[in-house]
Amino acid sequence: MRRVANGSAGLLALALLTACSLSGAANETKELTAVARQPAVGVTPQDKAVNVATDQPVVVSAHGGTIKSVRVDGGKAGRLKGVLSGDGTRWRSTTTARPSAGYTVTVVSVDASGKRSETSSTFTTVKGDKTFDIQTITPNKDDTGLTVGIGMPVMIAFDKPVSDRVAVERNLTIRSSKPVDGAWHWFDDSHVDFRPEEYWPAYTKVRLEAKLAGVRGGPGLYGKRDVTLDFKIGRSQITRGSTDEHVLTVRRDGKRIRTMPMSAGQGGQWKYYTTSGVHLAMSREPVTVMTSPGIGPGQSGYYQLTVYNTVRISNSGEYVHSAPWSVGSQGNSNVSHGCVNVSPENAAWFIKNTLIGDPIIITGSPRKLEPTNGWGHWQENWKDWLKWSTLKDGPSITF
């Protein structure tokens, strides 16, 4: 009887053990199944990464589910914006991180059954010692107005030299209401300008987006802020003049609207030739005091003259301006020290009807306008212009 009882107890214990084992296996299977259903979420940079480059994008991917939301929070450095792919499985940041900042990436994903899960990771960016900023942008409201001529370049001057031109240039975007092909051109480490391959189409709206906050400009040097500028192109107006024919002809939207007798540089000395080439209207000045180039008071050939209704066309002292003293020579001979002389009536009309950035093309002189003399951007053919671009040409992004 004892032997039988002991056997029964053993069988009962075995039954209980088996039951417990089956129950535990079932629970474990359920847990494994639940885990298996959760999307596998991958985040780059990896968790706890350090010295991450500010321009390295944050990329989030989900396998076996979709991404519901992504938040990349840098505290005082702000959040990073991003875009989600159409199928909801991939997210990528579209803004640049700040240096010396810590970021937390929080991802909410959803599995096929609609169950939500959350994943988080952190990373820190490289240390930044200095910042650079945009010092000036041309065109601008104060100096040129925000409606400009068809030849107007976009000119950016930085407050510090930048050596990483690629990083900076790829964060400069031109958007336009009409498509153009254009490119940036570095004149030096502190100046980069944009022009289209051909003149801007008339009545085009243009936006510059300089997303430079956090962008690497060189070792330990990072962009201070983002800048946006909106301006528009006016009517198409091109003025052409010949030092041989002594006439300026103004065409607007392809139609001739005014012809003006002119007198150009008298020559003799190189500095007294009017430069030939594609000039741009750089300023409109009701009154300008002109002095003799390279000659001081008391020296032979010195002069100081107040002139009116002037349109500046170069950095070497050339203007289209009123010259009542040379009206008798206008239309037949060249008597100026390099400027383009027109009558007071024509000068008053010209300054009123000219936009900054209008092309003013002079031909016939042996002295050529240098590309760096004022806004001589159109003096370089497209191939030469592209030599000084790090990313070469491409279409603008249309609105």
Protein backbone atom coordinates (compact mmCIF):
# COMPACT_ATOMS: atom_id res chain seq x y z
CA MET A 1 0.00 0.00 0.00
CA ARG A 2 2.80 2.42 0.83
CA ARG A 3 4.49 1.58 -2.46
CA VAL A 4 1.31 2.30 -4.35
CA ALA A 5 0.71 5.53 -2.47
CA ASN A 6 4.27 6.68 -3.15
CA GLY A 7 3.80 5.94 -6.85
CA SER A 8 0.56 7.88 -6.95
CA ALA A 9 2.19 10.84 -5.29
CA GLY A 10 4.99 10.72 -7.83
CA LEU A 11 2.57 10.61 -10.69
CA LEU A 12 0.65 13.55 -9.21
CA ALA A 13 3.85 15.54 -8.82
CA LEU A 14 4.86 14.70 -12.36
CA ALA A 15 1.44 15.81 -13.60
CA LEU A 16 1.70 19.10 -11.72
CA LEU A 17 5.24 19.68 -13.00
CA THR A 18 4.14 18.97 -16.54
CA ALA A 19 1.19 21.30 -16.22
CA CYS A 20 3.41 24.09 -14.89
CA SER A 21 5.94 23.57 -17.66
CA LEU A 22 3.28 23.74 -20.34
CA SER A 23 1.81 26.92 -18.86
CA GLY A 24 5.24 28.61 -18.67
CA ALA A 25 6.08 27.63 -22.25
CA ALA A 26 2.79 29.05 -23.46
CA ASN A 27 3.43 32.37 -21.72
CA GLU A 28 6.95 32.54 -23.07
CA THR A 29 5.66 31.79 -26.54
CA LYS A 30 3.15 34.62 -26.24
CA GLU A 31 5.86 37.02 -25.09
CA LEU A 32 8.16 36.00 -27.93
CA THR A 33 5.31 36.37 -30.40
CA ALA A 34 4.54 39.86 -29.07
CA VAL A 35 8.20 40.86 -29.33
CA ALA A 36 8.39 39.44 -32.82
CA ARG A 37 5.42 41.58 -33.85
CA GLN A 38 7.13 44.81 -32.71
CA PRO A 39 8.85 46.65 -35.56
CA ALA A 40 12.63 46.50 -35.57
CA VAL A 41 13.66 50.16 -35.36
CA GLY A 42 17.12 51.30 -36.43
CA VAL A 43 18.54 54.76 -35.64
CA THR A 44 21.63 56.44 -37.07
CA PRO A 45 23.75 57.82 -35.37
CA GLN A 46 23.85 54.82 -33.04
CA ASP A 47 22.88 55.13 -29.39
CA LYS A 48 25.40 57.06 -27.23
CA ALA A 49 27.50 58.09 -30.27
CA VAL A 50 29.86 61.03 -29.65
CA ASN A 51 31.58 63.62 -31.86
CA VAL A 52 28.87 63.26 -34.49
CA ALA A 53 29.30 65.68 -37.41
CA THR A 54 26.68 68.41 -37.40
CA ASP A 55 25.74 67.73 -41.02
CA GLN A 56 25.30 63.97 -40.52
CA PRO A 57 21.59 63.30 -40.97
CA VAL A 58 19.56 61.39 -38.42
CA VAL A 59 18.04 58.38 -40.17
CA VAL A 60 15.34 56.16 -38.66
CA SER A 61 14.08 52.94 -40.27
CA ALA A 62 11.40 50.46 -39.26
CA HIS A 63 11.18 46.82 -40.38
CA GLY A 64 7.96 44.88 -39.76
CA GLY A 65 5.91 48.00 -39.07
CA THR A 66 5.70 51.74 -39.71
CA ILE A 67 6.96 54.88 -38.04
CA LYS A 68 4.31 56.94 -36.33
CA SER A 69 6.48 59.84 -35.18
CA VAL A 70 10.10 60.89 -34.70
CA ARG A 71 11.32 63.59 -32.34
CA VAL A 72 14.96 64.69 -32.27
CA ASP A 73 15.32 67.09 -29.36
CA GLY A 74 18.51 69.04 -28.68
CA GLY A 75 17.29 71.04 -25.71
CA LYS A 76 18.56 74.62 -26.10
CA ALA A 77 19.93 73.65 -29.52
CA GLY A 78 16.34 73.04 -30.68
CA ARG A 79 14.74 70.19 -32.56
CA LEU A 80 15.70 68.75 -35.90
CA LYS A 81 13.03 68.67 -38.57
CA GLY A 82 12.67 65.78 -40.97
CA VAL A 83 10.58 64.00 -43.57
CA LEU A 84 8.91 60.58 -43.54
CA SER A 85 8.93 58.34 -46.59
CA GLY A 86 5.67 57.61 -48.36
CA ASP A 87 5.45 54.06 -47.00
CA GLY A 88 6.16 55.21 -43.45
CA THR A 89 9.23 53.03 -42.98
CA ARG A 90 12.01 55.63 -43.17
CA TRP A 91 12.55 59.09 -41.66
CA ARG A 92 15.44 61.48 -42.38
CA SER A 93 16.34 64.80 -40.79
CA THR A 94 16.37 67.84 -43.08
CA THR A 95 18.01 70.40 -40.79
CA THR A 96 21.52 70.59 -39.44
CA ALA A 97 22.45 69.82 -35.85
CA ARG A 98 24.29 72.34 -33.67
CA PRO A 99 27.83 71.76 -32.44
CA SER A 100 28.50 70.90 -28.75
CA ALA A 101 24.92 69.67 -28.31
CA GLY A 102 23.27 66.51 -27.03
CA TYR A 103 20.27 65.10 -28.86
CA THR A 104 17.63 62.55 -27.86
CA VAL A 105 15.88 60.59 -30.61
CA THR A 106 12.43 59.29 -29.69
CA VAL A 107 10.65 57.02 -32.16
CA VAL A 108 7.07 55.81 -31.93
CA SER A 109 6.33 52.87 -34.24
CA VAL A 110 3.27 50.73 -34.94
CA ASP A 111 3.11 47.03 -35.79
CA ALA A 112 0.68 45.36 -38.20
CA SER A 113 -1.98 44.99 -35.51
CA GLY A 114 -1.80 48.67 -34.57
CA LYS A 115 0.14 48.20 -31.35
CA ARG A 116 2.44 51.13 -30.54
CA SER A 117 5.97 50.89 -29.18
CA GLU A 118 8.60 53.49 -28.34
CA THR A 119 12.36 53.49 -28.93
CA SER A 120 14.85 56.11 -27.79
CA SER A 121 18.57 56.79 -28.24
CA THR A 122 21.01 59.67 -27.70
CA PHE A 123 24.05 61.19 -29.39
CA THR A 124 26.29 64.24 -28.99
CA THR A 125 27.81 66.39 -31.73
CA VAL A 126 31.34 67.65 -32.23
CA LYS A 127 32.54 70.63 -30.26
CA GLY A 128 32.54 73.99 -31.99
CA ASP A 129 34.93 76.77 -31.00
CA LYS A 130 33.86 79.57 -33.39
CA THR A 131 30.91 80.64 -35.52
CA PHE A 132 30.62 82.37 -38.87
CA ASP A 133 27.72 84.47 -40.10
CA ILE A 134 26.47 86.17 -43.24
CA GLN A 135 27.70 89.74 -43.13
CA THR A 136 25.82 91.04 -46.18
CA ILE A 137 23.51 89.76 -48.89
CA THR A 138 22.96 91.62 -52.15
CA PRO A 139 20.29 92.37 -53.30
CA ASN A 140 18.74 93.81 -50.18
CA LYS A 141 16.00 96.23 -49.25
CA ASP A 142 18.23 99.16 -48.30
CA ASP A 143 20.92 99.19 -50.99
CA THR A 144 19.28 97.82 -54.11
CA GLY A 145 15.58 97.44 -53.37
CA LEU A 146 13.88 94.08 -53.67
CA THR A 147 12.85 94.47 -57.31
CA VAL A 148 15.98 94.23 -59.45
CA GLY A 149 17.15 93.86 -63.02
CA ILE A 150 17.53 90.66 -65.03
CA GLY A 151 21.32 90.61 -64.61
CA MET A 152 21.29 90.78 -60.80
CA PRO A 153 23.54 88.19 -59.08
CA VAL A 154 22.98 86.97 -55.53
CA MET A 155 26.09 87.99 -53.57
CA ILE A 156 26.94 86.72 -50.08
CA ALA A 157 29.77 88.02 -47.91
CA PHE A 158 30.74 86.10 -44.75
CA ASP A 159 32.19 87.69 -41.63
CA LYS A 160 34.94 85.03 -41.45
CA PRO A 161 36.72 83.03 -44.17
CA VAL A 162 35.30 79.53 -44.69
CA SER A 163 37.45 76.68 -45.91
CA ASP A 164 34.79 73.98 -46.24
CA ARG A 165 33.21 75.41 -49.38
CA VAL A 166 31.38 72.18 -50.23
CA ALA A 167 29.52 72.07 -46.90
CA VAL A 168 28.54 75.72 -47.17
CA GLU A 169 27.55 75.70 -50.83
CA ARG A 170 25.31 72.64 -50.56
CA ASN A 171 23.31 74.48 -47.90
CA LEU A 172 22.66 77.48 -50.15
CA THR A 173 19.46 77.01 -52.14
CA ILE A 174 17.94 79.23 -54.84
CA ARG A 175 14.21 78.85 -55.42
CA SER A 176 12.49 80.64 -58.30
CA SER A 177 9.00 80.92 -59.74
CA LYS A 178 10.43 80.29 -63.22
CA PRO A 179 13.09 77.59 -63.77
CA VAL A 180 16.68 78.69 -64.36
CA ASP A 181 20.03 76.93 -64.58
CA GLY A 182 22.58 78.60 -62.35
CA ALA A 183 25.59 78.09 -60.12
CA TRP A 184 27.50 79.56 -57.19
CA HIS A 185 30.94 81.05 -57.77
CA TRP A 186 33.60 81.57 -55.06
CA PHE A 187 35.63 84.75 -55.53
CA ASP A 188 37.50 84.00 -52.30
CA ASP A 189 36.83 82.24 -48.97
CA SER A 190 34.60 85.09 -47.79
CA HIS A 191 32.53 85.76 -50.92
CA VAL A 192 30.27 83.46 -52.93
CA ASP A 193 27.88 84.67 -55.65
CA PHE A 194 25.11 83.06 -57.70
CA ARG A 195 24.05 83.89 -61.25
CA PRO A 196 21.98 82.05 -63.84
CA GLU A 197 23.58 80.78 -67.02
CA GLU A 198 21.45 83.29 -68.90
CA TYR A 199 19.72 86.43 -67.62
CA TRP A 200 16.85 85.89 -65.19
CA PRO A 201 13.45 85.66 -66.91
CA ALA A 202 11.52 88.88 -66.41
CA TYR A 203 9.07 88.99 -63.49
CA THR A 204 10.58 85.98 -61.70
CA LYS A 205 10.19 85.61 -57.95
CA VAL A 206 13.38 84.43 -56.24
CA ARG A 207 14.13 83.11 -52.77
CA LEU A 208 17.54 82.49 -51.23
CA GLU A 209 17.59 79.92 -48.42
CA ALA A 210 20.91 79.89 -46.57
CA LYS A 211 20.51 77.06 -44.05
CA LEU A 212 23.88 77.57 -42.39
CA ALA A 213 23.10 77.13 -38.69
CA GLY A 214 25.44 74.39 -37.50
CA VAL A 215 27.04 73.91 -40.93
CA ARG A 216 30.79 73.30 -40.80
CA GLY A 217 32.73 76.14 -42.34
CA GLY A 218 36.16 74.85 -41.36
CA PRO A 219 37.98 73.26 -38.41
CA GLY A 220 36.02 74.24 -35.30
CA LEU A 221 33.99 76.81 -37.30
CA TYR A 222 30.20 76.47 -37.64
CA GLY A 223 27.37 78.54 -39.07
CA LYS A 224 25.56 80.79 -36.62
CA ARG A 225 22.08 81.04 -38.15
CA ASP A 226 19.76 80.41 -41.10
CA VAL A 227 18.86 83.29 -43.41
CA THR A 228 16.09 83.63 -46.00
CA LEU A 229 15.76 86.43 -48.56
CA ASP A 230 12.92 87.03 -51.02
CA PHE A 231 13.22 89.37 -54.00
CA LYS A 232 11.86 89.62 -57.53
CA ILE A 233 13.08 90.37 -61.01
CA GLY A 234 11.45 93.28 -62.79
CA ARG A 235 10.89 93.88 -66.48
CA SER A 236 13.66 93.02 -68.91
CA GLN A 237 15.67 96.15 -69.71
CA ILE A 238 19.03 96.12 -71.51
CA THR A 239 20.98 99.22 -72.48
CA ARG A 240 23.63 99.01 -75.21
CA GLY A 241 26.16 101.65 -76.16
CA SER A 242 29.10 101.90 -78.54
CA THR A 243 32.17 104.08 -78.04
CA ASP A 244 32.45 104.14 -81.85
CA GLU A 245 28.84 105.08 -82.63
CA HIS A 246 28.37 107.32 -79.54
CA VAL A 247 24.78 106.23 -78.89
CA LEU A 248 23.00 104.47 -75.99
CA THR A 249 19.92 102.43 -76.92
CA VAL A 250 17.52 101.21 -74.22
CA ARG A 251 15.27 98.23 -74.92
CA ARG A 252 12.55 97.10 -72.54
CA ASP A 253 10.98 93.67 -72.97
CA GLY A 254 12.55 93.60 -76.43
CA LYS A 255 11.23 96.99 -77.61
CA ARG A 256 13.37 100.09 -78.10
CA ILE A 257 12.10 102.78 -75.76
CA ARG A 258 14.86 105.43 -75.87
CA THR A 259 17.96 106.44 -77.81
CA MET A 260 20.48 108.77 -76.16
CA PRO A 261 23.55 110.43 -77.67
CA MET A 262 26.62 109.71 -75.53
CA SER A 263 30.27 110.54 -75.12
CA ALA A 264 32.66 107.94 -73.66
CA GLY A 265 36.23 107.90 -72.38
CA GLN A 266 38.72 109.91 -74.42
CA GLY A 267 41.52 107.36 -74.08
CA GLY A 268 45.12 108.45 -74.38
CA GLN A 269 45.84 106.89 -70.98
CA TRP A 270 44.48 103.47 -70.12
CA LYS A 271 42.49 104.80 -67.18
CA TYR A 272 40.65 107.22 -69.45
CA TYR A 273 39.06 104.50 -71.59
CA THR A 274 35.52 103.39 -70.81
CA THR A 275 35.58 99.65 -70.20
CA SER A 276 33.92 97.38 -72.76
CA GLY A 277 31.70 94.58 -71.53
CA VAL A 278 28.52 93.66 -69.71
CA HIS A 279 28.18 96.11 -66.84
CA LEU A 280 25.34 96.10 -64.33
CA ALA A 281 23.69 99.10 -62.76
CA MET A 282 25.19 99.08 -59.24
CA SER A 283 23.69 102.20 -57.70
CA ARG A 284 21.56 105.23 -58.52
CA GLU A 285 22.94 108.44 -57.03
CA PRO A 286 21.24 111.84 -57.37
CA VAL A 287 24.54 113.56 -56.55
CA THR A 288 28.10 112.19 -56.88
CA VAL A 289 31.38 113.99 -56.22
CA MET A 290 34.00 112.71 -58.67
CA THR A 291 37.75 113.16 -58.32
CA SER A 292 40.60 112.44 -60.67
CA PRO A 293 41.88 108.85 -60.28
CA GLY A 294 45.43 108.66 -58.92
CA ILE A 295 45.97 112.43 -59.01
CA GLY A 296 45.93 114.57 -55.87
CA PRO A 297 45.22 118.27 -55.29
CA GLY A 298 47.86 120.53 -56.78
CA GLN A 299 48.96 117.97 -59.34
CA SER A 300 48.53 118.35 -63.06
CA GLY A 301 45.21 116.93 -64.25
CA TYR A 302 43.56 117.03 -60.81
CA TYR A 303 39.83 117.66 -60.70
CA GLN A 304 36.93 117.42 -58.29
CA LEU A 305 33.52 117.68 -59.85
CA THR A 306 29.94 117.45 -58.58
CA VAL A 307 27.72 115.60 -61.04
CA TYR A 308 24.02 114.76 -60.98
CA ASN A 309 21.78 111.80 -61.78
CA THR A 310 24.49 109.16 -61.89
CA VAL A 311 24.16 105.39 -62.41
CA ARG A 312 27.26 103.53 -61.31
CA ILE A 313 28.47 100.68 -63.57
CA SER A 314 31.86 99.62 -62.15
CA ASN A 315 34.26 99.93 -59.22
CA SER A 316 36.80 101.82 -61.32
CA GLY A 317 34.82 105.06 -61.22
CA GLU A 318 32.54 104.62 -64.24
CA TYR A 319 29.04 106.07 -64.30
CA VAL A 320 26.35 106.97 -66.78
CA HIS A 321 25.69 110.55 -65.74
CA SER A 322 24.54 114.03 -66.63
CA ALA A 323 27.25 116.06 -68.38
CA PRO A 324 25.91 119.42 -69.62
CA TRP A 325 29.47 120.50 -70.46
CA SER A 326 29.87 117.79 -73.12
CA VAL A 327 26.46 117.93 -74.84
CA GLY A 328 28.11 119.22 -78.01
CA SER A 329 30.33 116.13 -78.16
CA GLN A 330 27.62 113.63 -77.29
CA GLY A 331 26.70 111.64 -80.37
CA ASN A 332 29.92 112.37 -82.24
CA SER A 333 33.11 112.08 -80.11
CA ASN A 334 34.60 110.79 -76.85
CA VAL A 335 35.80 113.43 -74.40
CA SER A 336 35.24 112.03 -70.88
CA HIS A 337 37.70 110.59 -68.36
CA GLY A 338 36.01 107.18 -68.64
CA CYS A 339 32.38 107.79 -67.73
CA VAL A 340 29.47 107.68 -70.15
CA ASN A 341 28.22 111.27 -70.58
CA VAL A 342 24.61 112.00 -71.53
CA SER A 343 22.52 115.17 -71.48
CA PRO A 344 20.83 116.33 -68.24
CA GLU A 345 17.43 115.40 -69.66
CA ASN A 346 18.54 111.90 -70.64
CA ALA A 347 20.36 111.38 -67.34
CA ALA A 348 17.22 112.29 -65.37
CA TRP A 349 15.21 109.82 -67.46
CA PHE A 350 17.84 107.08 -67.17
CA ILE A 351 18.21 107.16 -63.39
CA LYS A 352 14.42 107.10 -63.00
CA ASN A 353 13.95 104.17 -65.40
CA THR A 354 16.88 101.97 -64.33
CA LEU A 355 16.73 99.10 -61.84
CA ILE A 356 19.80 97.96 -59.93
CA GLY A 357 21.02 94.90 -61.84
CA ASP A 358 19.97 96.11 -65.28
CA PRO A 359 22.61 95.16 -67.90
CA ILE A 360 24.43 98.11 -69.48
CA ILE A 361 26.59 96.78 -72.32
CA ILE A 362 29.37 98.93 -73.75
CA THR A 363 31.35 97.94 -76.86
CA GLY A 364 34.15 99.41 -78.94
CA SER A 365 36.76 100.15 -76.26
CA PRO A 366 40.10 98.30 -76.11
CA ARG A 367 39.89 98.24 -72.31
CA LYS A 368 37.84 95.22 -71.16
CA LEU A 369 35.77 95.15 -67.98
CA GLU A 370 37.33 92.69 -65.53
CA PRO A 371 34.96 90.14 -63.91
CA THR A 372 36.02 91.47 -60.49
CA ASN A 373 35.54 95.15 -61.40
CA GLY A 374 32.25 95.89 -59.70
CA TRP A 375 29.62 93.39 -60.75
CA GLY A 376 31.34 92.12 -63.87
CA HIS A 377 29.88 88.65 -63.34
CA TRP A 378 28.63 88.34 -66.92
CA GLN A 379 32.13 88.88 -68.29
CA GLU A 380 32.91 85.24 -67.59
CA ASN A 381 31.45 82.67 -69.95
CA TRP A 382 29.57 79.82 -68.34
CA LYS A 383 32.48 77.39 -68.49
CA ASP A 384 34.77 79.82 -66.70
CA TRP A 385 32.10 80.69 -64.15
CA LEU A 386 31.74 77.02 -63.22
CA LYS A 387 35.46 76.64 -62.56
CA TRP A 388 34.94 78.41 -59.24
CA SER A 389 31.86 76.47 -58.17
CA THR A 390 32.26 73.44 -55.90
CA LEU A 391 28.93 71.82 -56.90
CA LYS A 392 28.77 73.08 -60.52
CA ASP A 393 25.53 74.04 -62.25
CA GLY A 394 22.04 72.81 -61.68
CA PRO A 395 18.42 73.94 -61.95
CA SER A 396 16.92 76.19 -59.34
CA ILE A 397 14.12 74.73 -57.24
CA THR A 398 10.84 76.15 -58.47
CA PHE A 399 8.11 77.37 -56.11
